[in-house]
């Protein structure tokens, strides 16, 4: 592991904003978003909960036997979740949040990772 990725994981040598931007450009297996889940909750509850519900379970993306919710996607594939947060989901009415900073998007992802997965 190179020093940049080690510092990214440990949160050293860079501010919160820089750490979130660097995380967003990193590659797996770095799965825990370094955002601020309290700040992300404010955005999620205001923007995302309208469709996804306050607990992120209003929409099941898979089946009743094997449910997949916002929390599931955020935990299992944070890069997919971040991409959908940023660019939306064509064909289903999920809006793009490109007007928000990358730091804010990572905060939303960080909060989504705290939501129920089942």
N, C-alpha and C. Protein backbone atom coordinates (compact mmCIF):
# COMPACT_ATOMS: atom_id res chain seq x y z
N UNK A 1 0.87 -1.17 0.00
CA UNK A 1 0.00 0.00 0.00
C UNK A 1 0.91 1.23 0.00
N UNK A 2 0.66 2.17 -0.92
CA UNK A 2 1.49 3.35 -0.96
C UNK A 2 1.10 4.34 0.14
N UNK A 3 1.96 5.31 0.37
CA UNK A 3 1.76 6.26 1.47
C UNK A 3 0.48 7.07 1.31
N UNK A 4 0.14 7.46 0.08
CA UNK A 4 -1.08 8.24 -0.12
C UNK A 4 -2.32 7.48 0.31
N UNK A 5 -2.39 6.19 -0.08
CA UNK A 5 -3.57 5.40 0.30
C UNK A 5 -3.57 5.10 1.79
N UNK A 6 -2.39 4.85 2.38
CA UNK A 6 -2.32 4.63 3.82
C UNK A 6 -2.81 5.87 4.56
N UNK A 7 -2.34 7.04 4.14
CA UNK A 7 -2.77 8.29 4.77
C UNK A 7 -4.25 8.51 4.55
N UNK A 8 -4.74 8.13 3.38
CA UNK A 8 -6.16 8.27 3.08
C UNK A 8 -6.99 7.47 4.08
N UNK A 9 -6.59 6.23 4.32
CA UNK A 9 -7.32 5.37 5.24
C UNK A 9 -7.19 5.88 6.68
N UNK A 10 -6.02 6.25 7.07
CA UNK A 10 -5.78 6.68 8.44
C UNK A 10 -6.21 8.12 8.68
N UNK A 11 -6.51 8.86 7.62
CA UNK A 11 -6.98 10.23 7.77
C UNK A 11 -5.87 11.19 8.14
N UNK A 12 -4.65 10.89 7.76
CA UNK A 12 -3.52 11.73 8.10
C UNK A 12 -3.11 12.57 6.90
N UNK A 13 -2.42 13.64 7.18
CA UNK A 13 -1.80 14.51 6.18
C UNK A 13 -2.76 15.23 5.25
N UNK A 14 -4.03 15.18 5.49
CA UNK A 14 -4.91 15.95 4.63
C UNK A 14 -6.17 16.34 5.38
N UNK A 15 -6.74 17.45 4.99
CA UNK A 15 -7.95 17.94 5.63
C UNK A 15 -9.13 17.03 5.30
N UNK A 16 -10.24 17.23 5.99
CA UNK A 16 -11.43 16.44 5.71
C UNK A 16 -11.89 16.58 4.28
N UNK A 17 -11.88 17.80 3.75
CA UNK A 17 -12.31 18.02 2.37
C UNK A 17 -11.38 17.31 1.40
N UNK A 18 -10.08 17.46 1.59
CA UNK A 18 -9.12 16.81 0.70
C UNK A 18 -9.21 15.29 0.82
N UNK A 19 -9.41 14.78 2.03
CA UNK A 19 -9.52 13.34 2.24
C UNK A 19 -10.73 12.78 1.50
N UNK A 20 -11.87 13.49 1.55
CA UNK A 20 -13.07 13.02 0.85
C UNK A 20 -12.85 13.02 -0.66
N UNK A 21 -12.21 14.05 -1.19
CA UNK A 21 -11.96 14.11 -2.63
C UNK A 21 -11.01 12.99 -3.05
N UNK A 22 -9.96 12.76 -2.26
CA UNK A 22 -9.01 11.71 -2.60
C UNK A 22 -9.67 10.34 -2.50
N UNK A 23 -10.52 10.15 -1.51
CA UNK A 23 -11.22 8.87 -1.37
C UNK A 23 -12.09 8.63 -2.60
N UNK A 24 -12.80 9.65 -3.05
CA UNK A 24 -13.70 9.51 -4.19
C UNK A 24 -12.95 9.11 -5.45
N UNK A 25 -11.65 9.45 -5.53
CA UNK A 25 -10.85 9.10 -6.70
C UNK A 25 -10.06 7.81 -6.49
N UNK A 26 -10.13 7.22 -5.30
CA UNK A 26 -9.37 6.01 -5.02
C UNK A 26 -10.07 4.80 -5.63
N UNK A 27 -9.47 3.64 -5.47
CA UNK A 27 -10.06 2.42 -6.00
C UNK A 27 -10.19 1.39 -4.88
N UNK A 28 -10.98 0.36 -5.08
CA UNK A 28 -11.18 -0.66 -4.06
C UNK A 28 -9.85 -1.21 -3.57
N UNK A 29 -9.73 -1.69 -2.36
CA UNK A 29 -10.77 -2.08 -1.42
C UNK A 29 -11.12 -1.03 -0.37
N UNK A 30 -10.89 0.24 -0.63
CA UNK A 30 -11.17 1.27 0.35
C UNK A 30 -12.66 1.59 0.35
N UNK A 31 -13.42 0.95 1.23
CA UNK A 31 -14.86 1.01 1.15
C UNK A 31 -15.53 1.95 2.15
N UNK A 32 -14.89 2.29 3.23
CA UNK A 32 -15.53 3.17 4.21
C UNK A 32 -15.36 4.62 3.81
N UNK A 33 -16.44 5.25 3.47
CA UNK A 33 -16.40 6.65 3.05
C UNK A 33 -15.94 7.52 4.21
N UNK A 34 -15.00 8.41 3.98
CA UNK A 34 -14.47 9.24 5.06
C UNK A 34 -15.28 10.50 5.32
N UNK A 35 -16.51 10.53 4.87
CA UNK A 35 -17.34 11.72 5.05
C UNK A 35 -17.88 11.86 6.46
N UNK A 36 -18.67 12.89 6.63
CA UNK A 36 -19.29 13.20 7.91
C UNK A 36 -20.75 12.72 7.84
N UNK A 37 -21.07 11.58 8.47
CA UNK A 37 -22.43 11.06 8.36
C UNK A 37 -23.49 11.97 8.96
N UNK A 38 -23.14 12.76 9.97
CA UNK A 38 -24.14 13.69 10.54
C UNK A 38 -24.51 14.75 9.51
N UNK A 39 -23.51 15.26 8.81
CA UNK A 39 -23.77 16.25 7.76
C UNK A 39 -24.52 15.60 6.60
N UNK A 40 -24.10 14.39 6.23
CA UNK A 40 -24.75 13.66 5.15
C UNK A 40 -26.20 13.36 5.45
N UNK A 41 -26.52 13.12 6.73
CA UNK A 41 -27.90 12.84 7.13
C UNK A 41 -28.81 14.02 6.81
N UNK A 42 -28.30 15.23 7.01
CA UNK A 42 -29.12 16.42 6.73
C UNK A 42 -29.52 16.47 5.26
N UNK A 43 -28.58 16.17 4.38
CA UNK A 43 -28.87 16.18 2.95
C UNK A 43 -29.76 15.00 2.58
N UNK A 44 -29.44 13.80 3.08
CA UNK A 44 -30.23 12.61 2.77
C UNK A 44 -31.68 12.80 3.20
N UNK A 45 -31.88 13.27 4.42
CA UNK A 45 -33.24 13.42 4.95
C UNK A 45 -34.02 14.50 4.21
N UNK A 46 -33.32 15.46 3.63
CA UNK A 46 -33.98 16.55 2.90
C UNK A 46 -34.22 16.20 1.43
N UNK A 47 -33.26 15.54 0.79
CA UNK A 47 -33.33 15.30 -0.65
C UNK A 47 -33.74 13.86 -0.97
N UNK A 48 -33.05 12.92 -0.40
CA UNK A 48 -33.17 11.51 -0.80
C UNK A 48 -34.36 10.79 -0.17
N UNK A 49 -34.68 11.17 1.07
CA UNK A 49 -35.73 10.45 1.80
C UNK A 49 -37.11 10.59 1.17
N UNK A 50 -37.28 11.59 0.33
CA UNK A 50 -38.57 11.76 -0.34
C UNK A 50 -38.95 10.49 -1.08
N UNK A 51 -37.99 9.88 -1.76
CA UNK A 51 -38.25 8.63 -2.49
C UNK A 51 -37.78 7.39 -1.72
N UNK A 52 -36.59 7.48 -1.11
CA UNK A 52 -35.97 6.31 -0.50
C UNK A 52 -36.44 6.05 0.93
N UNK A 53 -37.16 6.99 1.53
CA UNK A 53 -37.61 6.84 2.91
C UNK A 53 -36.52 7.25 3.88
N UNK A 54 -36.92 7.58 5.08
CA UNK A 54 -35.96 8.06 6.08
C UNK A 54 -34.97 6.98 6.50
N UNK A 55 -35.38 5.71 6.40
CA UNK A 55 -34.47 4.62 6.74
C UNK A 55 -33.82 4.00 5.50
N UNK A 56 -34.09 4.56 4.31
CA UNK A 56 -33.50 4.06 3.07
C UNK A 56 -34.10 2.76 2.57
N UNK A 57 -35.23 2.34 3.13
CA UNK A 57 -35.82 1.06 2.77
C UNK A 57 -37.14 1.17 2.00
N UNK A 58 -37.48 2.33 1.52
CA UNK A 58 -38.74 2.51 0.80
C UNK A 58 -38.69 1.88 -0.59
N UNK A 59 -37.49 1.75 -1.16
CA UNK A 59 -37.34 1.13 -2.47
C UNK A 59 -36.43 -0.08 -2.32
N UNK A 60 -36.93 -1.23 -2.75
CA UNK A 60 -36.14 -2.46 -2.77
C UNK A 60 -35.65 -2.65 -4.20
N UNK A 61 -34.34 -2.60 -4.42
CA UNK A 61 -33.78 -2.70 -5.76
C UNK A 61 -33.66 -4.14 -6.26
N UNK A 62 -33.97 -5.10 -5.41
CA UNK A 62 -33.78 -6.50 -5.80
C UNK A 62 -35.07 -7.27 -5.62
N UNK A 63 -35.10 -8.27 -4.78
CA UNK A 63 -36.30 -9.08 -4.59
C UNK A 63 -36.67 -9.14 -3.11
N UNK A 64 -37.87 -9.63 -2.84
CA UNK A 64 -38.31 -9.76 -1.44
C UNK A 64 -37.46 -10.77 -0.70
N UNK A 65 -37.00 -11.81 -1.38
CA UNK A 65 -36.17 -12.84 -0.75
C UNK A 65 -34.75 -12.36 -0.50
N UNK A 66 -34.27 -11.48 -1.34
CA UNK A 66 -32.90 -10.96 -1.23
C UNK A 66 -32.94 -9.45 -1.42
N UNK A 67 -33.42 -8.71 -0.42
CA UNK A 67 -33.60 -7.27 -0.58
C UNK A 67 -32.28 -6.51 -0.73
N UNK A 68 -32.36 -5.42 -1.46
CA UNK A 68 -31.21 -4.53 -1.65
C UNK A 68 -31.73 -3.10 -1.52
N UNK A 69 -31.24 -2.41 -0.53
CA UNK A 69 -31.68 -1.05 -0.24
C UNK A 69 -30.51 -0.08 -0.42
N UNK A 70 -30.76 1.18 -0.16
CA UNK A 70 -29.71 2.20 -0.24
C UNK A 70 -28.52 1.79 0.62
N UNK A 71 -28.79 1.36 1.84
CA UNK A 71 -27.71 0.95 2.75
C UNK A 71 -26.92 -0.23 2.24
N UNK A 72 -27.60 -1.15 1.54
CA UNK A 72 -26.92 -2.32 0.98
C UNK A 72 -25.94 -1.91 -0.11
N UNK A 73 -26.41 -1.09 -1.04
CA UNK A 73 -25.55 -0.63 -2.14
C UNK A 73 -24.38 0.20 -1.59
N UNK A 74 -24.67 1.10 -0.65
CA UNK A 74 -23.63 1.96 -0.09
C UNK A 74 -22.56 1.15 0.63
N UNK A 75 -22.96 0.07 1.29
CA UNK A 75 -21.99 -0.76 2.02
C UNK A 75 -21.23 -1.70 1.08
N UNK A 76 -21.94 -2.30 0.13
CA UNK A 76 -21.33 -3.31 -0.74
C UNK A 76 -20.53 -2.72 -1.91
N UNK A 77 -21.00 -1.60 -2.44
CA UNK A 77 -20.34 -1.00 -3.61
C UNK A 77 -20.44 0.52 -3.51
N UNK A 78 -19.61 1.12 -2.65
CA UNK A 78 -19.71 2.56 -2.44
C UNK A 78 -19.44 3.39 -3.70
N UNK A 79 -18.64 2.86 -4.63
CA UNK A 79 -18.38 3.63 -5.85
C UNK A 79 -19.61 3.70 -6.72
N UNK A 80 -20.37 2.62 -6.80
CA UNK A 80 -21.64 2.64 -7.53
C UNK A 80 -22.61 3.61 -6.86
N UNK A 81 -22.68 3.54 -5.53
CA UNK A 81 -23.58 4.43 -4.79
C UNK A 81 -23.18 5.89 -5.01
N UNK A 82 -21.89 6.19 -4.93
CA UNK A 82 -21.43 7.57 -5.13
C UNK A 82 -21.74 8.04 -6.55
N UNK A 83 -21.56 7.17 -7.52
CA UNK A 83 -21.87 7.52 -8.92
C UNK A 83 -23.35 7.85 -9.06
N UNK A 84 -24.21 7.04 -8.44
CA UNK A 84 -25.65 7.29 -8.53
C UNK A 84 -26.05 8.54 -7.77
N UNK A 85 -25.42 8.79 -6.64
CA UNK A 85 -25.69 10.03 -5.89
C UNK A 85 -25.32 11.22 -6.75
N UNK A 86 -24.19 11.14 -7.40
CA UNK A 86 -23.68 12.26 -8.19
C UNK A 86 -24.43 12.46 -9.50
N UNK A 87 -24.68 11.36 -10.24
CA UNK A 87 -25.22 11.48 -11.59
C UNK A 87 -26.67 11.01 -11.74
N UNK A 88 -27.26 10.48 -10.67
CA UNK A 88 -28.64 10.01 -10.74
C UNK A 88 -28.74 8.64 -11.38
N UNK A 89 -29.96 8.21 -11.62
CA UNK A 89 -30.22 6.91 -12.25
C UNK A 89 -31.19 7.15 -13.40
N UNK A 90 -30.70 7.13 -14.63
CA UNK A 90 -31.56 7.39 -15.78
C UNK A 90 -32.72 6.41 -15.86
N UNK A 91 -33.86 6.91 -16.29
CA UNK A 91 -35.01 6.07 -16.54
C UNK A 91 -35.89 5.81 -15.34
N UNK A 92 -35.45 6.21 -14.14
CA UNK A 92 -36.27 5.95 -12.96
C UNK A 92 -36.54 7.21 -12.15
N UNK A 93 -36.12 8.34 -12.63
CA UNK A 93 -36.44 9.60 -11.96
C UNK A 93 -35.52 9.99 -10.82
N UNK A 94 -34.41 9.27 -10.64
CA UNK A 94 -33.47 9.68 -9.59
C UNK A 94 -32.63 10.84 -10.12
N UNK A 95 -32.72 11.95 -9.41
CA UNK A 95 -32.05 13.17 -9.86
C UNK A 95 -30.54 13.11 -9.63
N UNK A 96 -29.82 13.87 -10.44
CA UNK A 96 -28.38 14.04 -10.27
C UNK A 96 -28.14 15.16 -9.28
N UNK A 97 -27.15 14.98 -8.43
CA UNK A 97 -26.81 16.01 -7.44
C UNK A 97 -25.46 16.65 -7.77
N UNK A 98 -25.23 16.88 -9.06
CA UNK A 98 -23.95 17.44 -9.50
C UNK A 98 -23.72 18.86 -9.00
N UNK A 99 -24.77 19.53 -8.54
CA UNK A 99 -24.61 20.89 -8.02
C UNK A 99 -23.94 20.89 -6.65
N UNK A 100 -23.93 19.74 -5.99
CA UNK A 100 -23.31 19.65 -4.67
C UNK A 100 -21.83 19.33 -4.82
N UNK A 101 -21.04 19.74 -3.85
CA UNK A 101 -19.60 19.46 -3.89
C UNK A 101 -19.34 17.97 -3.69
N UNK A 102 -18.17 17.52 -4.13
CA UNK A 102 -17.80 16.12 -3.94
C UNK A 102 -17.77 15.78 -2.44
N UNK A 103 -17.32 16.70 -1.63
CA UNK A 103 -17.30 16.48 -0.18
C UNK A 103 -18.68 16.21 0.37
N UNK A 104 -19.66 16.97 -0.08
CA UNK A 104 -21.05 16.77 0.36
C UNK A 104 -21.58 15.43 -0.13
N UNK A 105 -21.24 15.05 -1.35
CA UNK A 105 -21.68 13.76 -1.88
C UNK A 105 -21.10 12.61 -1.07
N UNK A 106 -19.84 12.73 -0.68
CA UNK A 106 -19.22 11.69 0.15
C UNK A 106 -19.85 11.69 1.55
N UNK A 107 -20.25 12.85 2.05
CA UNK A 107 -20.97 12.90 3.32
C UNK A 107 -22.29 12.13 3.22
N UNK A 108 -23.01 12.32 2.12
CA UNK A 108 -24.27 11.59 1.91
C UNK A 108 -24.00 10.09 1.85
N UNK A 109 -22.96 9.70 1.11
CA UNK A 109 -22.59 8.28 1.04
C UNK A 109 -22.23 7.75 2.42
N UNK A 110 -21.48 8.52 3.17
CA UNK A 110 -21.08 8.10 4.51
C UNK A 110 -22.30 7.84 5.38
N UNK A 111 -23.31 8.70 5.27
CA UNK A 111 -24.55 8.48 6.01
C UNK A 111 -25.28 7.24 5.48
N UNK A 112 -25.32 7.10 4.15
CA UNK A 112 -26.02 5.95 3.56
C UNK A 112 -25.41 4.63 4.03
N UNK A 113 -24.12 4.64 4.31
CA UNK A 113 -23.46 3.42 4.80
C UNK A 113 -23.90 3.06 6.22
N UNK A 114 -24.58 3.96 6.91
CA UNK A 114 -25.10 3.66 8.25
C UNK A 114 -26.54 3.13 8.21
N UNK A 115 -27.16 3.16 7.04
CA UNK A 115 -28.55 2.72 6.91
C UNK A 115 -28.64 1.19 6.89
N UNK A 116 -29.83 0.65 7.20
CA UNK A 116 -29.99 -0.81 7.21
C UNK A 116 -29.72 -1.43 5.85
N UNK A 117 -29.13 -2.61 5.88
CA UNK A 117 -28.82 -3.32 4.63
C UNK A 117 -29.84 -4.42 4.34
N UNK A 118 -30.64 -4.79 5.31
CA UNK A 118 -31.66 -5.84 5.13
C UNK A 118 -32.98 -5.37 5.72
